[in-house]
């Protein structure tokens, strides 16, 4: 359930077709809810999303929509979010604070392992600044960041990214 600018993807979903554990096609109606912060009814299950129908409302004033889009893009450009490749935020925000602030307050901006580095612009981004980071580099760096935040502030950071495959977590 990704979100940005106060809007969550779940607010736009009409239905989701998915394959269940037996390989049968099923439909989930969004009205059934089950969505929350960075969570969907599919999180942690073996169901595979096949197709999603979105409820989109035409905007009668397209110039307002264009202006809003440009403002959002300008803000992201100015904050350096597009300077280097990244997968976006690595950690979910703990209740009452932001993961980026905790990472920044721990002095971890610029920390690197292999080709992965904690962004100098947004501490909750791990960037591939030299374009040679491996998934192992990102995993190890995110593990180290979470450990440091726990050690300094006694707050557990939960990864927003989902690890697939074999990891020694």
Protein backbone atom coordinates (compact mmCIF):
# COMPACT_ATOMS: atom_id res chain seq x y z
CA UNK A 1 0.00 0.00 0.00
CA UNK A 2 2.37 2.64 -1.27
CA UNK A 3 1.63 6.29 -0.73
CA UNK A 4 2.88 9.75 -1.50
CA UNK A 5 1.57 13.24 -0.95
CA UNK A 6 -1.17 12.06 1.41
CA UNK A 7 -2.72 9.61 -1.06
CA UNK A 8 -2.56 5.81 -0.73
CA UNK A 9 -2.78 3.42 -3.66
CA UNK A 10 -5.52 1.47 -1.82
CA UNK A 11 -7.82 4.50 -2.12
CA UNK A 12 -7.88 4.01 -5.89
CA UNK A 13 -8.32 0.22 -6.15
CA UNK A 14 -11.63 -1.24 -7.31
CA UNK A 15 -10.60 -4.92 -7.32
CA UNK A 16 -7.55 -7.18 -7.49
CA UNK A 17 -7.35 -10.49 -9.34
CA UNK A 18 -4.79 -12.86 -7.88
CA UNK A 19 -3.59 -16.44 -7.98
CA UNK A 20 -4.08 -18.30 -4.72
CA UNK A 21 -1.78 -20.98 -3.31
CA UNK A 22 -3.51 -23.64 -5.46
CA UNK A 23 -3.01 -21.60 -8.64
CA UNK A 24 -6.69 -20.68 -8.90
CA UNK A 25 -7.68 -17.19 -10.00
CA UNK A 26 -9.66 -15.23 -7.40
CA UNK A 27 -10.90 -11.66 -7.02
CA UNK A 28 -10.49 -9.41 -4.00
CA UNK A 29 -12.82 -6.41 -3.83
CA UNK A 30 -11.14 -3.37 -2.33
CA UNK A 31 -14.29 -2.57 -0.39
CA UNK A 32 -13.31 -5.51 1.85
CA UNK A 33 -10.46 -3.25 2.97
CA UNK A 34 -7.57 -4.90 4.83
CA UNK A 35 -5.19 -2.11 3.77
CA UNK A 36 -3.17 -0.03 6.23
CA UNK A 37 0.14 1.85 6.37
CA UNK A 38 2.53 0.01 4.00
CA UNK A 39 0.37 -3.12 4.28
CA UNK A 40 -2.12 -4.90 2.03
CA UNK A 41 -4.14 -8.11 2.36
CA UNK A 42 -1.43 -9.70 0.19
CA UNK A 43 1.51 -8.82 2.44
CA UNK A 44 3.24 -11.95 3.72
CA UNK A 45 1.02 -14.34 1.77
CA UNK A 46 1.78 -16.66 -1.12
CA UNK A 47 -0.87 -15.01 -3.31
CA UNK A 48 0.36 -13.51 -6.58
CA UNK A 49 -1.33 -10.36 -7.88
CA UNK A 50 -2.36 -10.84 -11.49
CA UNK A 51 -4.37 -7.72 -12.35
CA UNK A 52 -5.68 -4.59 -10.63
CA UNK A 53 -8.57 -2.32 -11.63
CA UNK A 54 -8.29 1.28 -10.48
CA UNK A 55 -11.11 3.76 -9.85
CA UNK A 56 -9.90 6.92 -11.49
CA UNK A 57 -11.93 10.10 -11.57
CA UNK A 58 -11.48 12.44 -14.53
CA UNK A 59 -10.08 15.79 -13.52
CA UNK A 60 -12.12 18.55 -15.13
CA UNK A 61 -9.32 21.03 -14.61
CA UNK A 62 -6.29 19.37 -16.18
CA UNK A 63 -4.16 22.50 -15.75
CA UNK A 64 -4.47 22.11 -11.94
CA UNK A 65 -3.38 18.47 -12.22
CA UNK A 66 -0.41 19.41 -14.40
CA UNK A 67 0.61 22.16 -11.97
CA UNK A 68 0.39 19.76 -9.00
CA UNK A 69 2.44 17.17 -10.90
CA UNK A 70 5.12 19.73 -11.76
CA UNK A 71 5.26 21.02 -8.17
CA UNK A 72 5.73 17.47 -6.89
CA UNK A 73 8.44 16.76 -9.46
CA UNK A 74 10.23 20.03 -8.65
CA UNK A 75 10.19 19.21 -4.92
CA UNK A 76 11.64 15.76 -5.61
CA UNK A 77 14.31 17.17 -7.93
CA UNK A 78 15.30 19.81 -5.37
CA UNK A 79 15.51 17.20 -2.59
CA UNK A 80 17.88 15.08 -4.73
CA UNK A 81 15.54 12.09 -4.99
CA UNK A 82 16.47 11.57 -8.63
CA UNK A 83 20.23 12.14 -8.30
CA UNK A 84 21.08 8.43 -8.04
CA UNK A 85 19.23 5.16 -8.62
CA UNK A 86 17.41 3.89 -5.53
CA UNK A 87 14.36 1.87 -4.57
CA UNK A 88 12.96 4.75 -2.54
CA UNK A 89 12.49 4.52 1.22
CA UNK A 90 14.14 1.50 2.79
CA UNK A 91 12.36 1.59 6.17
CA UNK A 92 8.80 2.19 7.32
CA UNK A 93 8.32 5.19 9.57
CA UNK A 94 8.07 4.19 13.23
CA UNK A 95 5.07 5.56 15.09
CA UNK A 96 5.59 9.21 15.97
CA UNK A 97 8.77 9.87 14.01
CA UNK A 98 10.36 9.33 10.62
CA UNK A 99 12.95 6.71 9.78
CA UNK A 100 14.90 9.29 7.77
CA UNK A 101 15.19 11.61 10.79
CA UNK A 102 16.40 8.78 13.03
CA UNK A 103 19.00 7.70 10.46
CA UNK A 104 20.11 11.31 9.98
CA UNK A 105 20.26 11.94 13.76
CA UNK A 106 22.41 8.80 14.09
CA UNK A 107 24.91 10.42 11.70
CA UNK A 108 24.59 7.71 9.07
CA UNK A 109 24.21 9.79 5.91
CA UNK A 110 27.04 8.87 3.56
CA UNK A 111 27.72 5.50 5.22
CA UNK A 112 28.51 2.96 2.51
CA UNK A 113 29.02 -0.74 1.96
CA UNK A 114 30.26 -1.80 -1.45
CA UNK A 115 28.40 0.28 -4.02
CA UNK A 116 25.45 1.09 -1.72
CA UNK A 117 25.36 4.34 0.25
CA UNK A 118 22.92 6.03 2.64
CA UNK A 119 21.82 9.07 0.64
CA UNK A 120 23.25 12.44 1.63
CA UNK A 121 19.93 14.03 0.59
CA UNK A 122 17.35 11.69 2.14
CA UNK A 123 18.65 9.40 4.89
CA UNK A 124 15.91 6.80 4.35
CA UNK A 125 17.15 6.18 0.79
CA UNK A 126 19.98 3.81 0.00
CA UNK A 127 21.42 4.88 -3.33
CA UNK A 128 23.47 3.12 -5.96
CA UNK A 129 25.65 6.20 -6.44
CA UNK A 130 28.41 4.46 -8.41
CA UNK A 131 25.99 2.12 -10.19
CA UNK A 132 27.74 -0.96 -8.86
CA UNK A 133 25.75 -1.84 -5.73
CA UNK A 134 24.61 -5.41 -5.31
CA UNK A 135 21.53 -6.60 -3.46
CA UNK A 136 23.91 -7.96 -0.81
CA UNK A 137 25.44 -4.46 -0.37
CA UNK A 138 21.99 -2.95 0.12
CA UNK A 139 20.95 -5.73 2.50
CA UNK A 140 24.09 -5.40 4.63
CA UNK A 141 23.93 -1.60 4.71
CA UNK A 142 20.25 -1.58 5.67
CA UNK A 143 20.96 -4.16 8.39
CA UNK A 144 23.80 -2.00 9.75
CA UNK A 145 21.61 1.14 9.67
CA UNK A 146 18.80 -0.62 11.55
CA UNK A 147 21.31 -1.91 14.12
CA UNK A 148 22.78 1.57 14.69
CA UNK A 149 19.34 3.18 15.10
CA UNK A 150 18.35 0.45 17.58
CA UNK A 151 21.60 0.94 19.52
CA UNK A 152 21.31 4.73 19.69
CA UNK A 153 17.55 5.25 20.10
CA UNK A 154 16.17 1.83 21.10
CA UNK A 155 13.81 1.95 18.12
CA UNK A 156 13.39 -0.96 15.73
CA UNK A 157 13.29 -0.02 12.06
CA UNK A 158 11.21 -2.30 9.86
CA UNK A 159 12.21 -2.67 6.23
CA UNK A 160 9.75 -1.30 3.72
CA UNK A 161 11.42 -3.36 1.01
CA UNK A 162 10.50 -7.03 0.91
CA UNK A 163 13.34 -9.53 0.83
CA UNK A 164 12.84 -12.47 -1.52
CA UNK A 165 15.14 -15.45 -1.68
CA UNK A 166 17.66 -16.70 0.87
CA UNK A 167 18.88 -14.09 3.34
CA UNK A 168 20.51 -14.49 6.72
CA UNK A 169 18.24 -12.03 8.50
